[in-house]
């Protein structure tokens, strides 16, 4: 029980609840584990509950009719997923796949809806999460509509540059996605990602060592995303 409450405290949606409140709701949750590459949520399945990531990371993804993988987001410990279908009582909108061995807290749909009604802190955190998702998707729609593939790659690098790791107009991306994973996010091919990352390194905007990429000049990289878009 103590481990469960400790995991609840690390969930963003419950960060404003008191210890007494966490203890009160803890009985609504169960712990589930999944192995690397295991399907956690299946697209189109009934929305029976909400998941809160305790350990590991997951990816939200879909596949085209031709079998091409289209990645949306990677989620980390403290993140919530599966709430959209529970809120509107509709089927799941994406697959969710474990990127490594993961542990999640799971709550049934009706119990989650009741939490939203009883605890304004949870409702507000859920609304903030939904607002973040809408902003993210708006950015992606704009990028796919207005930017070419090289500009989209630059925009994705900026998105991966965590704000609190920015120092003197530089940022470090510790776990750069593999080129194919990058391509899946941007609906392009691996070769385009490889070429653009090599170009950015050649002109001195980035420095790459294994999976770590340093953005040497964030402002210059931002300018790369708007080149040729003024017409």
Protein backbone atom coordinates (compact mmCIF):
# COMPACT_ATOMS: atom_id res chain seq x y z
CA UNK A 1 0.00 0.00 0.00
CA UNK A 2 2.84 2.42 0.82
CA UNK A 3 4.41 1.81 -2.59
CA UNK A 4 1.08 2.46 -4.29
CA UNK A 5 0.60 5.76 -2.46
CA UNK A 6 4.17 6.77 -3.25
CA UNK A 7 3.50 6.09 -6.93
CA UNK A 8 0.27 8.10 -6.77
CA UNK A 9 2.18 11.07 -5.34
CA UNK A 10 4.42 11.05 -8.42
CA UNK A 11 1.49 11.19 -10.84
CA UNK A 12 0.97 14.71 -12.22
CA UNK A 13 -2.83 14.43 -12.01
CA UNK A 14 -2.68 13.78 -8.24
CA UNK A 15 0.21 16.06 -7.28
CA UNK A 16 -2.12 18.55 -5.52
CA UNK A 17 -3.90 15.97 -3.37
CA UNK A 18 -3.06 15.63 0.31
CA UNK A 19 -1.67 12.44 1.80
CA UNK A 20 -5.04 11.78 3.41
CA UNK A 21 -6.78 12.14 0.05
CA UNK A 22 -4.26 9.85 -1.64
CA UNK A 23 -4.85 7.20 1.00
CA UNK A 24 -8.60 7.55 0.52
CA UNK A 25 -8.47 6.97 -3.24
CA UNK A 26 -5.65 4.41 -3.28
CA UNK A 27 -8.06 1.47 -3.07
CA UNK A 28 -9.43 2.39 -6.51
CA UNK A 29 -6.15 1.57 -8.24
CA UNK A 30 -4.40 -1.61 -9.25
CA UNK A 31 -0.81 -2.04 -10.41
CA UNK A 32 -0.10 -3.59 -13.80
CA UNK A 33 3.17 -4.46 -15.52
CA UNK A 34 3.99 -4.82 -19.22
CA UNK A 35 7.06 -6.04 -21.05
CA UNK A 36 9.04 -4.21 -23.72
CA UNK A 37 7.07 -3.92 -27.01
CA UNK A 38 3.88 -5.22 -25.37
CA UNK A 39 0.62 -3.59 -26.44
CA UNK A 40 -0.93 -1.75 -23.49
CA UNK A 41 -3.89 -0.19 -25.32
CA UNK A 42 -5.26 -1.25 -28.70
CA UNK A 43 -6.74 1.23 -31.18
CA UNK A 44 -10.53 0.93 -31.37
CA UNK A 45 -10.85 -1.08 -28.16
CA UNK A 46 -13.46 -0.14 -25.53
CA UNK A 47 -12.23 2.50 -23.08
CA UNK A 48 -12.48 0.62 -19.80
CA UNK A 49 -10.00 2.55 -17.66
CA UNK A 50 -7.23 5.12 -17.32
CA UNK A 51 -3.50 4.43 -16.92
CA UNK A 52 -0.88 6.34 -14.95
CA UNK A 53 2.73 5.57 -15.76
CA UNK A 54 4.89 4.72 -12.72
CA UNK A 55 8.01 3.29 -14.39
CA UNK A 56 9.32 3.19 -17.94
CA UNK A 57 7.99 4.89 -21.06
CA UNK A 58 5.30 4.21 -23.67
CA UNK A 59 4.58 5.39 -27.21
CA UNK A 60 1.24 6.36 -28.72
CA UNK A 61 1.12 5.24 -32.33
CA UNK A 62 -1.03 4.18 -35.28
CA UNK A 63 -0.41 2.28 -38.50
CA UNK A 64 -1.37 3.29 -42.03
CA UNK A 65 -3.28 0.84 -44.29
CA UNK A 66 0.11 0.04 -45.84
CA UNK A 67 1.53 -0.85 -42.42
CA UNK A 68 3.58 2.32 -41.95
CA UNK A 69 4.04 3.32 -38.32
CA UNK A 70 2.94 6.85 -37.38
CA UNK A 71 4.14 7.94 -33.95
CA UNK A 72 2.43 10.65 -31.92
CA UNK A 73 4.01 11.00 -28.49
CA UNK A 74 6.27 9.25 -26.03
CA UNK A 75 5.03 9.39 -22.42
CA UNK A 76 7.15 9.25 -19.27
CA UNK A 77 6.61 8.41 -15.56
CA UNK A 78 3.92 10.61 -14.03
CA UNK A 79 1.99 10.87 -17.29
CA UNK A 80 -1.60 9.74 -17.79
CA UNK A 81 -3.04 8.01 -20.84
CA UNK A 82 -6.36 6.49 -21.84
CA UNK A 83 -8.42 9.31 -20.33
CA UNK A 84 -9.80 10.64 -23.63
CA UNK A 85 -11.95 7.61 -24.43
CA UNK A 86 -13.10 7.39 -20.82
CA UNK A 87 -14.20 11.04 -20.76
CA UNK A 88 -16.23 10.86 -23.99
CA UNK A 89 -17.13 7.16 -23.67
CA UNK A 90 -15.64 6.38 -27.09
CA UNK A 91 -13.16 3.73 -28.30
CA UNK A 92 -9.39 4.12 -27.96
CA UNK A 93 -7.87 6.60 -30.44
CA UNK A 94 -4.35 5.09 -30.71
CA UNK A 95 -2.28 2.08 -29.85
CA UNK A 96 -0.07 2.48 -26.76
CA UNK A 97 3.08 0.34 -26.76
CA UNK A 98 5.61 -0.20 -23.97
CA UNK A 99 9.06 1.03 -25.03
CA UNK A 100 10.63 -0.85 -22.13
CA UNK A 101 9.44 -2.82 -19.13
CA UNK A 102 6.83 -0.59 -17.50
CA UNK A 103 4.62 -0.36 -14.44
CA UNK A 104 1.31 1.50 -14.42
CA UNK A 105 -1.50 2.31 -12.04
CA UNK A 106 -4.91 1.52 -13.50
CA UNK A 107 -8.32 2.82 -12.49
CA UNK A 108 -11.71 1.79 -13.90
CA UNK A 109 -13.55 4.29 -16.09
CA UNK A 110 -16.43 4.98 -13.69
CA UNK A 111 -14.07 5.45 -10.75
CA UNK A 112 -11.98 7.95 -12.72
CA UNK A 113 -15.07 9.95 -13.70
CA UNK A 114 -16.09 10.04 -10.03
CA UNK A 115 -12.61 11.33 -9.09
CA UNK A 116 -13.10 14.20 -11.54
CA UNK A 117 -16.40 15.06 -9.85
CA UNK A 118 -15.15 14.84 -6.27
CA UNK A 119 -11.64 16.33 -6.53
CA UNK A 120 -11.33 19.67 -8.38
CA UNK A 121 -7.52 19.31 -8.29
CA UNK A 122 -7.74 16.17 -10.43
CA UNK A 123 -10.22 17.80 -12.80
CA UNK A 124 -7.96 20.83 -13.24
CA UNK A 125 -4.88 18.68 -13.83
CA UNK A 126 -6.80 16.65 -16.42
CA UNK A 127 -7.94 19.83 -18.18
CA UNK A 128 -4.34 21.08 -18.25
CA UNK A 129 -3.25 17.79 -19.77
CA UNK A 130 -5.96 18.02 -22.42
CA UNK A 131 -4.99 21.64 -23.17
CA UNK A 132 -1.35 20.59 -23.60
CA UNK A 133 -2.44 17.86 -25.99
CA UNK A 134 -4.56 20.27 -28.05
CA UNK A 135 -1.66 22.73 -28.28
CA UNK A 136 0.68 19.91 -29.31
CA UNK A 137 -1.70 18.71 -32.03
CA UNK A 138 -2.27 22.28 -33.27
CA UNK A 139 1.50 22.67 -33.63
CA UNK A 140 1.72 19.39 -35.51
CA UNK A 141 -1.10 20.35 -37.90
CA UNK A 142 0.64 23.64 -38.65
CA UNK A 143 3.99 21.95 -39.18
CA UNK A 144 2.59 19.32 -41.54
CA UNK A 145 0.68 21.99 -43.47
CA UNK A 146 3.27 24.77 -43.66
CA UNK A 147 6.77 23.30 -43.22
CA UNK A 148 8.89 21.07 -45.41
CA UNK A 149 10.47 17.93 -43.98
CA UNK A 150 13.76 19.60 -43.00
CA UNK A 151 11.90 22.35 -41.16
CA UNK A 152 9.76 19.73 -39.39
CA UNK A 153 12.92 17.95 -38.26
CA UNK A 154 14.24 21.22 -36.79
CA UNK A 155 10.89 21.83 -35.08
CA UNK A 156 10.96 18.35 -33.55
CA UNK A 157 14.48 18.92 -32.23
CA UNK A 158 13.27 22.12 -30.57
CA UNK A 159 10.36 20.19 -29.05
CA UNK A 160 12.76 17.61 -27.64
CA UNK A 161 14.94 20.30 -26.06
CA UNK A 162 13.55 20.29 -22.51
CA UNK A 163 13.26 23.91 -21.30
CA UNK A 164 14.95 23.36 -17.94
CA UNK A 165 18.01 21.91 -19.70
CA UNK A 166 18.57 25.09 -21.75
CA UNK A 167 21.75 26.95 -20.78
CA UNK A 168 23.21 29.93 -22.65
CA UNK A 169 21.05 29.37 -25.74
CA UNK A 170 22.12 25.70 -25.92
CA UNK A 171 20.31 22.50 -24.99
CA UNK A 172 21.09 18.82 -24.65
CA UNK A 173 18.83 16.01 -25.86
CA UNK A 174 19.96 12.98 -23.88
CA UNK A 175 18.10 10.26 -25.76
CA UNK A 176 17.73 11.29 -29.37
CA UNK A 177 15.21 9.01 -31.11
CA UNK A 178 16.63 6.62 -33.68
CA UNK A 179 16.41 7.98 -37.21
CA UNK A 180 13.58 5.62 -38.15
CA UNK A 181 11.64 6.58 -35.02
CA UNK A 182 12.22 10.24 -35.89
CA UNK A 183 10.92 9.59 -39.40
CA UNK A 184 7.82 7.84 -38.05
CA UNK A 185 6.97 10.94 -36.01
CA UNK A 186 7.25 13.22 -39.00
CA UNK A 187 5.75 11.02 -41.74
CA UNK A 188 8.97 10.93 -43.75
CA UNK A 189 11.73 8.40 -44.42
CA UNK A 190 14.86 7.63 -42.44
CA UNK A 191 17.22 8.93 -45.12
CA UNK A 192 15.70 12.43 -44.93
CA UNK A 193 16.30 12.52 -41.17
CA UNK A 194 19.88 11.29 -41.57
CA UNK A 195 20.66 13.94 -44.20
CA UNK A 196 19.18 16.83 -42.23
CA UNK A 197 20.86 15.86 -38.95
CA UNK A 198 24.18 15.59 -40.81
CA UNK A 199 23.62 19.04 -42.37
CA UNK A 200 22.85 20.65 -39.01
CA UNK A 201 26.01 19.16 -37.55
CA UNK A 202 28.08 20.28 -40.55
CA UNK A 203 27.02 23.93 -40.17
CA UNK A 204 27.69 23.82 -36.43
CA UNK A 205 24.16 24.04 -35.07
CA UNK A 206 24.36 20.62 -33.41
CA UNK A 207 26.94 18.21 -32.01
CA UNK A 208 26.10 14.51 -31.75
CA UNK A 209 27.71 11.76 -29.69
CA UNK A 210 25.94 8.38 -29.80
CA UNK A 211 22.31 9.08 -28.70
CA UNK A 212 23.14 12.49 -27.18
CA UNK A 213 22.65 15.59 -29.30
CA UNK A 214 23.68 19.10 -28.25
CA UNK A 215 21.89 22.02 -29.87
CA UNK A 216 24.61 24.67 -29.89
CA UNK A 217 22.39 27.59 -30.92
CA UNK A 218 18.66 27.33 -30.21
CA UNK A 219 17.82 30.67 -31.83
CA UNK A 220 19.61 29.73 -35.04
CA UNK A 221 17.77 26.40 -35.08
CA UNK A 222 14.45 28.25 -34.66
CA UNK A 223 15.33 30.33 -37.71
CA UNK A 224 15.81 27.10 -39.67
CA UNK A 225 12.15 26.25 -39.06
CA UNK A 226 10.88 29.41 -40.77
CA UNK A 227 13.19 29.55 -43.77
CA UNK A 228 11.18 29.93 -46.94
CA UNK A 229 7.79 30.16 -45.18
CA UNK A 230 7.24 33.91 -45.63
CA UNK A 231 5.62 33.54 -49.07
